[in-house]
């Protein structure tokens, strides 16, 4: 399955895992918005392809360990908003 939009919430993308039992291609995405927990769940899943260049907008407070995980998995920008 291929996601054709450019911006998506991490929660909506994780919901796709309940619908599709195949790899989900997110290479067309430019930005994912969501909690650090949801984004890390995506990283941990072996079902998402194309994560490595996506910009991330994190909606909760993150510590340096969480930031390191996010930085290790994308060359895109990481922005923290909220809280």
PDB file of N, CA and C in Angstrom:
ATOM      1  N   UNK A   1       0.838  -1.177   0.000  1.00  0.00           N
ATOM      2  CA  UNK A   1       0.000   0.000   0.000  1.00  0.00           C
ATOM      3  C   UNK A   1       0.884   1.241   0.000  1.00  0.00           C
ATOM      4  N   UNK A   2       0.511   2.238  -0.774  1.00  0.00           N
ATOM      5  CA  UNK A   2       1.286   3.474  -0.857  1.00  0.00           C
ATOM      6  C   UNK A   2       0.434   4.647  -0.371  1.00  0.00           C
ATOM      7  N   UNK A   3       1.009   5.446   0.522  1.00  0.00           N
ATOM      8  CA  UNK A   3       0.365   6.660   1.004  1.00  0.00           C
ATOM      9  C   UNK A   3       0.753   7.777   0.047  1.00  0.00           C
ATOM     10  N   UNK A   4      -0.251   8.441  -0.548  1.00  0.00           N
ATOM     11  CA  UNK A   4       0.018   9.435  -1.584  1.00  0.00           C
ATOM     12  C   UNK A   4      -0.037  10.874  -1.097  1.00  0.00           C
ATOM     13  N   UNK A   5      -0.395  11.109   0.158  1.00  0.00           N
ATOM     14  CA  UNK A   5      -0.450  12.474   0.666  1.00  0.00           C
ATOM     15  C   UNK A   5       0.949  12.929   1.074  1.00  0.00           C
ATOM     16  N   UNK A   6       1.083  14.225   1.377  1.00  0.00           N
ATOM     17  CA  UNK A   6       2.389  14.744   1.771  1.00  0.00           C
ATOM     18  C   UNK A   6       2.512  14.939   3.278  1.00  0.00           C
ATOM     19  N   UNK A   7       1.387  15.087   3.964  1.00  0.00           N
ATOM     20  CA  UNK A   7       1.391  15.270   5.414  1.00  0.00           C
ATOM     21  C   UNK A   7       0.390  14.318   6.050  1.00  0.00           C
ATOM     22  N   UNK A   8       0.804  13.634   7.103  1.00  0.00           N
ATOM     23  CA  UNK A   8      -0.088  12.704   7.798  1.00  0.00           C
ATOM     24  C   UNK A   8       0.223  12.706   9.285  1.00  0.00           C
ATOM     25  N   UNK A   9      -0.764  12.299  10.052  1.00  0.00           N
ATOM     26  CA  UNK A   9      -0.518  12.119  11.486  1.00  0.00           C
ATOM     27  C   UNK A   9       0.012  10.705  11.712  1.00  0.00           C
ATOM     28  N   UNK A  10       0.879  10.589  12.691  1.00  0.00           N
ATOM     29  CA  UNK A  10       1.430   9.273  13.023  1.00  0.00           C
ATOM     30  C   UNK A  10       0.309   8.328  13.435  1.00  0.00           C
ATOM     31  N   UNK A  11      -0.675   8.851  14.144  1.00  0.00           N
ATOM     32  CA  UNK A  11      -1.797   8.029  14.597  1.00  0.00           C
ATOM     33  C   UNK A  11      -2.568   7.440  13.422  1.00  0.00           C
ATOM     34  N   UNK A  12      -2.831   8.253  12.407  1.00  0.00           N
ATOM     35  CA  UNK A  12      -3.548   7.766  11.221  1.00  0.00           C
ATOM     36  C   UNK A  12      -2.736   6.706  10.486  1.00  0.00           C
ATOM     37  N   UNK A  13      -1.433   6.900  10.418  1.00  0.00           N
ATOM     38  CA  UNK A  13      -0.579   5.918   9.753  1.00  0.00           C
ATOM     39  C   UNK A  13      -0.533   4.607  10.532  1.00  0.00           C
ATOM     40  N   UNK A  14      -0.478   4.701  11.855  1.00  0.00           N
ATOM     41  CA  UNK A  14      -0.504   3.483  12.674  1.00  0.00           C
ATOM     42  C   UNK A  14      -1.833   2.748  12.523  1.00  0.00           C
ATOM     43  N   UNK A  15      -2.924   3.510  12.343  1.00  0.00           N
ATOM     44  CA  UNK A  15      -4.235   2.886  12.113  1.00  0.00           C
ATOM     45  C   UNK A  15      -4.239   2.039  10.845  1.00  0.00           C
ATOM     46  N   UNK A  16      -3.428   2.422   9.860  1.00  0.00           N
ATOM     47  CA  UNK A  16      -3.348   1.639   8.622  1.00  0.00           C
ATOM     48  C   UNK A  16      -2.836   0.227   8.883  1.00  0.00           C
ATOM     49  N   UNK A  17      -2.032   0.075   9.924  1.00  0.00           N
ATOM     50  CA  UNK A  17      -1.515  -1.257  10.261  1.00  0.00           C
ATOM     51  C   UNK A  17      -2.642  -2.213  10.633  1.00  0.00           C
ATOM     52  N   UNK A  18      -3.731  -1.663  11.180  1.00  0.00           N
ATOM     53  CA  UNK A  18      -4.882  -2.491  11.535  1.00  0.00           C
ATOM     54  C   UNK A  18      -5.698  -2.888  10.311  1.00  0.00           C
ATOM     55  N   UNK A  19      -5.572  -2.115   9.236  1.00  0.00           N
ATOM     56  CA  UNK A  19      -6.348  -2.353   8.025  1.00  0.00           C
ATOM     57  C   UNK A  19      -5.585  -3.183   7.000  1.00  0.00           C
ATOM     58  N   UNK A  20      -4.291  -2.919   6.882  1.00  0.00           N
ATOM     59  CA  UNK A  20      -3.479  -3.584   5.858  1.00  0.00           C
ATOM     60  C   UNK A  20      -2.416  -4.442   6.533  1.00  0.00           C
ATOM     61  N   UNK A  21      -2.260  -5.640   6.046  1.00  0.00           N
ATOM     62  CA  UNK A  21      -1.257  -6.540   6.599  1.00  0.00           C
ATOM     63  C   UNK A  21      -0.048  -6.625   5.673  1.00  0.00           C
ATOM     64  N   UNK A  22       0.243  -5.517   5.015  1.00  0.00           N
ATOM     65  CA  UNK A  22       1.365  -5.468   4.080  1.00  0.00           C
ATOM     66  C   UNK A  22       2.231  -4.269   4.403  1.00  0.00           C
ATOM     67  N   UNK A  23       3.322  -4.146   3.701  1.00  0.00           N
ATOM     68  CA  UNK A  23       4.201  -3.001   3.857  1.00  0.00           C
ATOM     69  C   UNK A  23       3.488  -1.733   3.399  1.00  0.00           C
ATOM     70  N   UNK A  24       3.700  -0.649   4.139  1.00  0.00           N
ATOM     71  CA  UNK A  24       3.088   0.635   3.814  1.00  0.00           C
ATOM     72  C   UNK A  24       4.199   1.579   3.358  1.00  0.00           C
ATOM     73  N   UNK A  25       4.108   2.009   2.096  1.00  0.00           N
ATOM     74  CA  UNK A  25       5.113   2.881   1.492  1.00  0.00           C
ATOM     75  C   UNK A  25       4.770   4.331   1.814  1.00  0.00           C
ATOM     76  N   UNK A  26       5.646   4.993   2.582  1.00  0.00           N
ATOM     77  CA  UNK A  26       5.409   6.389   2.959  1.00  0.00           C
ATOM     78  C   UNK A  26       6.445   7.321   2.330  1.00  0.00           C
ATOM     79  N   UNK A  27       7.032   6.910   1.230  1.00  0.00           N
ATOM     80  CA  UNK A  27       8.083   7.711   0.592  1.00  0.00           C
ATOM     81  C   UNK A  27       7.570   9.045   0.051  1.00  0.00           C
ATOM     82  N   UNK A  28       6.276   9.159  -0.255  1.00  0.00           N
ATOM     83  CA  UNK A  28       5.718  10.414  -0.761  1.00  0.00           C
ATOM     84  C   UNK A  28       5.474  11.434   0.346  1.00  0.00           C
ATOM     85  N   UNK A  29       5.472  10.996   1.592  1.00  0.00           N
ATOM     86  CA  UNK A  29       5.235  11.914   2.708  1.00  0.00           C
ATOM     87  C   UNK A  29       6.411  12.849   2.895  1.00  0.00           C
ATOM     88  N   UNK A  30       6.108  14.094   3.236  1.00  0.00           N
ATOM     89  CA  UNK A  30       7.178  15.015   3.596  1.00  0.00           C
ATOM     90  C   UNK A  30       7.171  15.279   5.096  1.00  0.00           C
ATOM     91  N   UNK A  31       5.986  15.166   5.739  1.00  0.00           N
ATOM     92  CA  UNK A  31       5.888  15.476   7.162  1.00  0.00           C
ATOM     93  C   UNK A  31       4.952  14.499   7.879  1.00  0.00           C
ATOM     94  N   UNK A  32       5.397  14.063   9.050  1.00  0.00           N
ATOM     95  CA  UNK A  32       4.558  13.274   9.956  1.00  0.00           C
ATOM     96  C   UNK A  32       4.431  14.064  11.254  1.00  0.00           C
ATOM     97  N   UNK A  33       3.198  14.221  11.722  1.00  0.00           N
ATOM     98  CA  UNK A  33       2.915  14.939  12.954  1.00  0.00           C
ATOM     99  C   UNK A  33       2.377  13.944  13.964  1.00  0.00           C
ATOM    100  N   UNK A  34       2.917  13.981  15.187  1.00  0.00           N
ATOM    101  CA  UNK A  34       2.377  13.088  16.208  1.00  0.00           C
ATOM    102  C   UNK A  34       3.211  13.068  17.470  1.00  0.00           C
ATOM    103  N   UNK A  35       2.750  12.293  18.413  1.00  0.00           N
ATOM    104  CA  UNK A  35       3.478  12.152  19.671  1.00  0.00           C
ATOM    105  C   UNK A  35       4.755  11.347  19.418  1.00  0.00           C
ATOM    106  N   UNK A  36       5.727  11.545  20.264  1.00  0.00           N
ATOM    107  CA  UNK A  36       6.978  10.799  20.116  1.00  0.00           C
ATOM    108  C   UNK A  36       6.729   9.301  20.233  1.00  0.00           C
ATOM    109  N   UNK A  37       5.789   8.924  21.086  1.00  0.00           N
ATOM    110  CA  UNK A  37       5.451   7.504  21.254  1.00  0.00           C
ATOM    111  C   UNK A  37       4.923   6.905  19.950  1.00  0.00           C
ATOM    112  N   UNK A  38       4.012   7.611  19.277  1.00  0.00           N
ATOM    113  CA  UNK A  38       3.460   7.116  18.012  1.00  0.00           C
ATOM    114  C   UNK A  38       4.530   7.059  16.924  1.00  0.00           C
ATOM    115  N   UNK A  39       5.376   8.074  16.876  1.00  0.00           N
ATOM    116  CA  UNK A  39       6.421   8.093  15.848  1.00  0.00           C
ATOM    117  C   UNK A  39       7.419   6.964  16.088  1.00  0.00           C
ATOM    118  N   UNK A  40       7.779   6.728  17.332  1.00  0.00           N
ATOM    119  CA  UNK A  40       8.711   5.637  17.634  1.00  0.00           C
ATOM    120  C   UNK A  40       8.063   4.284  17.364  1.00  0.00           C
ATOM    121  N   UNK A  41       6.758   4.177  17.571  1.00  0.00           N
ATOM    122  CA  UNK A  41       6.059   2.935  17.211  1.00  0.00           C
ATOM    123  C   UNK A  41       6.163   2.675  15.714  1.00  0.00           C
ATOM    124  N   UNK A  42       6.084   3.736  14.914  1.00  0.00           N
ATOM    125  CA  UNK A  42       6.252   3.592  13.469  1.00  0.00           C
ATOM    126  C   UNK A  42       7.664   3.139  13.136  1.00  0.00           C
ATOM    127  N   UNK A  43       8.645   3.756  13.791  1.00  0.00           N
ATOM    128  CA  UNK A  43      10.040   3.395  13.552  1.00  0.00           C
ATOM    129  C   UNK A  43      10.277   1.929  13.904  1.00  0.00           C
ATOM    130  N   UNK A  44       9.685   1.495  14.998  1.00  0.00           N
ATOM    131  CA  UNK A  44       9.881   0.125  15.485  1.00  0.00           C
ATOM    132  C   UNK A  44       9.199  -0.921  14.611  1.00  0.00           C
ATOM    133  N   UNK A  45       8.170  -0.490  13.895  1.00  0.00           N
ATOM    134  CA  UNK A  45       7.439  -1.411  13.029  1.00  0.00           C
ATOM    135  C   UNK A  45       8.266  -1.708  11.779  1.00  0.00           C
ATOM    136  N   UNK A  46       8.198  -2.924  11.322  1.00  0.00           N
ATOM    137  CA  UNK A  46       8.881  -3.263  10.067  1.00  0.00           C
ATOM    138  C   UNK A  46       7.951  -3.108   8.868  1.00  0.00           C
ATOM    139  N   UNK A  47       6.814  -2.473   9.072  1.00  0.00           N
ATOM    140  CA  UNK A  47       5.812  -2.342   8.014  1.00  0.00           C
ATOM    141  C   UNK A  47       5.897  -1.037   7.224  1.00  0.00           C
ATOM    142  N   UNK A  48       6.666  -0.042   7.715  1.00  0.00           N
ATOM    143  CA  UNK A  48       6.747   1.246   7.028  1.00  0.00           C
ATOM    144  C   UNK A  48       8.041   1.345   6.237  1.00  0.00           C
ATOM    145  N   UNK A  49       7.926   1.734   4.964  1.00  0.00           N
ATOM    146  CA  UNK A  49       9.069   1.892   4.079  1.00  0.00           C
ATOM    147  C   UNK A  49       9.153   3.357   3.675  1.00  0.00           C
ATOM    148  N   UNK A  50      10.351   3.944   3.770  1.00  0.00           N
ATOM    149  CA  UNK A  50      10.546   5.314   3.303  1.00  0.00           C
ATOM    150  C   UNK A  50      10.567   6.344   4.402  1.00  0.00           C
ATOM    151  N   UNK A  51      10.835   5.933   5.607  1.00  0.00           N
ATOM    152  CA  UNK A  51      10.798   6.834   6.756  1.00  0.00           C
ATOM    153  C   UNK A  51      11.996   7.775   6.813  1.00  0.00           C
ATOM    154  N   UNK A  52      13.087   7.417   6.192  1.00  0.00           N
ATOM    155  CA  UNK A  52      14.387   8.026   6.454  1.00  0.00           C
ATOM    156  C   UNK A  52      14.588   9.490   6.065  1.00  0.00           C
ATOM    157  N   UNK A  53      13.708  10.103   5.292  1.00  0.00           N
ATOM    158  CA  UNK A  53      13.905  11.512   4.923  1.00  0.00           C
ATOM    159  C   UNK A  53      12.738  12.407   5.334  1.00  0.00           C
ATOM    160  N   UNK A  54      11.826  11.882   6.091  1.00  0.00           N
ATOM    161  CA  UNK A  54      10.604  12.603   6.442  1.00  0.00           C
ATOM    162  C   UNK A  54      10.856  13.585   7.581  1.00  0.00           C
ATOM    163  N   UNK A  55      10.268  14.787   7.458  1.00  0.00           N
ATOM    164  CA  UNK A  55      10.300  15.762   8.543  1.00  0.00           C
ATOM    165  C   UNK A  55       9.315  15.320   9.623  1.00  0.00           C
ATOM    166  N   UNK A  56       9.697  15.512  10.880  1.00  0.00           N
ATOM    167  CA  UNK A  56       8.853  15.102  11.998  1.00  0.00           C
ATOM    168  C   UNK A  56       8.450  16.310  12.828  1.00  0.00           C
ATOM    169  N   UNK A  57       7.167  16.393  13.152  1.00  0.00           N
ATOM    170  CA  UNK A  57       6.664  17.407  14.071  1.00  0.00           C
ATOM    171  C   UNK A  57       6.147  16.651  15.282  1.00  0.00           C
ATOM    172  N   UNK A  58       6.860  16.786  16.391  1.00  0.00           N
ATOM    173  CA  UNK A  58       6.551  16.039  17.604  1.00  0.00           C
ATOM    174  C   UNK A  58       5.683  16.916  18.505  1.00  0.00           C
ATOM    175  N   UNK A  59       4.554  16.371  18.934  1.00  0.00           N
ATOM    176  CA  UNK A  59       3.561  17.169  19.658  1.00  0.00           C
ATOM    177  C   UNK A  59       3.654  17.064  21.172  1.00  0.00           C
ATOM    178  N   UNK A  60       4.645  16.341  21.669  1.00  0.00           N
ATOM    179  CA  UNK A  60       4.823  16.261  23.117  1.00  0.00           C
ATOM    180  C   UNK A  60       6.272  16.564  23.473  1.00  0.00           C
ATOM    181  N   UNK A  61       6.534  16.691  24.755  1.00  0.00           N
ATOM    182  CA  UNK A  61       7.894  16.949  25.225  1.00  0.00           C
ATOM    183  C   UNK A  61       8.765  15.729  25.021  1.00  0.00           C
ATOM    184  N   UNK A  62       9.965  15.932  24.516  1.00  0.00           N
ATOM    185  CA  UNK A  62      10.876  14.805  24.312  1.00  0.00           C
ATOM    186  C   UNK A  62      12.185  15.068  25.041  1.00  0.00           C
ATOM    187  N   UNK A  63      12.785  13.990  25.510  1.00  0.00           N
ATOM    188  CA  UNK A  63      14.083  14.099  26.164  1.00  0.00           C
ATOM    189  C   UNK A  63      15.191  13.813  25.150  1.00  0.00           C
ATOM    190  N   UNK A  64      16.425  13.905  25.590  1.00  0.00           N
ATOM    191  CA  UNK A  64      17.546  13.741  24.663  1.00  0.00           C
ATOM    192  C   UNK A  64      17.633  12.323  24.104  1.00  0.00           C
ATOM    193  N   UNK A  65      17.236  11.307  24.889  1.00  0.00           N
ATOM    194  CA  UNK A  65      17.251   9.930  24.381  1.00  0.00           C
ATOM    195  C   UNK A  65      16.250   9.757  23.240  1.00  0.00           C
ATOM    196  N   UNK A  66      15.053  10.306  23.429  1.00  0.00           N
ATOM    197  CA  UNK A  66      14.018  10.224  22.390  1.00  0.00           C
ATOM    198  C   UNK A  66      14.457  10.986  21.148  1.00  0.00           C
ATOM    199  N   UNK A  67      15.032  12.160  21.346  1.00  0.00           N
ATOM    200  CA  UNK A  67      15.526  12.944  20.211  1.00  0.00           C
ATOM    201  C   UNK A  67      16.586  12.166  19.445  1.00  0.00           C
ATOM    202  N   UNK A  68      17.457  11.477  20.147  1.00  0.00           N
ATOM    203  CA  UNK A  68      18.497  10.680  19.500  1.00  0.00           C
ATOM    204  C   UNK A  68      17.906   9.576  18.633  1.00  0.00           C
ATOM    205  N   UNK A  69      16.855   8.918  19.126  1.00  0.00           N
ATOM    206  CA  UNK A  69      16.180   7.868  18.344  1.00  0.00           C
ATOM    207  C   UNK A  69      15.598   8.460  17.060  1.00  0.00           C
ATOM    208  N   UNK A  70      14.932   9.600  17.198  1.00  0.00           N
ATOM    209  CA  UNK A  70      14.323  10.239  16.029  1.00  0.00           C
ATOM    210  C   UNK A  70      15.400  10.664  15.033  1.00  0.00           C
ATOM    211  N   UNK A  71      16.470  11.275  15.519  1.00  0.00           N
ATOM    212  CA  UNK A  71      17.550  11.725  14.639  1.00  0.00           C
ATOM    213  C   UNK A  71      18.227  10.562  13.921  1.00  0.00           C
ATOM    214  N   UNK A  72      18.298   9.429  14.577  1.00  0.00           N
ATOM    215  CA  UNK A  72      18.942   8.262  13.965  1.00  0.00           C
ATOM    216  C   UNK A  72      18.104   7.651  12.850  1.00  0.00           C
ATOM    217  N   UNK A  73      16.824   8.035  12.772  1.00  0.00           N
ATOM    218  CA  UNK A  73      15.930   7.396  11.817  1.00  0.00           C
ATOM    219  C   UNK A  73      15.416   8.306  10.713  1.00  0.00           C
ATOM    220  N   UNK A  74      15.813   9.566  10.715  1.00  0.00           N
ATOM    221  CA  UNK A  74      15.441  10.453   9.614  1.00  0.00           C
ATOM    222  C   UNK A  74      16.521  11.506   9.409  1.00  0.00           C
ATOM    223  N   UNK A  75      16.690  11.900   8.156  1.00  0.00           N
ATOM    224  CA  UNK A  75      17.575  13.014   7.861  1.00  0.00           C
ATOM    225  C   UNK A  75      16.775  14.299   7.739  1.00  0.00           C
ATOM    226  N   UNK A  76      15.448  14.181   7.888  1.00  0.00           N
ATOM    227  CA  UNK A  76      14.575  15.345   7.844  1.00  0.00           C
ATOM    228  C   UNK A  76      14.691  16.174   9.116  1.00  0.00           C
ATOM    229  N   UNK A  77      13.975  17.276   9.144  1.00  0.00           N
ATOM    230  CA  UNK A  77      13.993  18.136  10.330  1.00  0.00           C
ATOM    231  C   UNK A  77      13.093  17.541  11.419  1.00  0.00           C
ATOM    232  N   UNK A  78      13.413  17.873  12.649  1.00  0.00           N
ATOM    233  CA  UNK A  78      12.606  17.455  13.777  1.00  0.00           C
ATOM    234  C   UNK A  78      12.214  18.707  14.548  1.00  0.00           C
ATOM    235  N   UNK A  79      10.913  18.946  14.623  1.00  0.00           N
ATOM    236  CA  UNK A  79      10.385  20.131  15.293  1.00  0.00           C
ATOM    237  C   UNK A  79       9.514  19.677  16.448  1.00  0.00           C
ATOM    238  N   UNK A  80       9.672  20.348  17.590  1.00  0.00           N
ATOM    239  CA  UNK A  80       8.830  20.029  18.745  1.00  0.00           C
ATOM    240  C   UNK A  80       7.850  21.181  18.940  1.00  0.00           C
ATOM    241  N   UNK A  81       6.560  20.853  18.984  1.00  0.00           N
ATOM    242  CA  UNK A  81       5.522  21.860  19.215  1.00  0.00           C
ATOM    243  C   UNK A  81       4.680  21.426  20.410  1.00  0.00           C
ATOM    244  N   UNK A  82       4.085  22.381  21.063  1.00  0.00           N
ATOM    245  CA  UNK A  82       3.231  22.051  22.206  1.00  0.00           C
ATOM    246  C   UNK A  82       4.028  21.811  23.466  1.00  0.00           C
ATOM    247  N   UNK A  83       3.304  21.578  24.510  1.00  0.00           N
ATOM    248  CA  UNK A  83       3.815  21.294  25.860  1.00  0.00           C
ATOM    249  C   UNK A  83       5.118  21.988  26.099  1.00  0.00           C
TER     250      UNK A  83
END
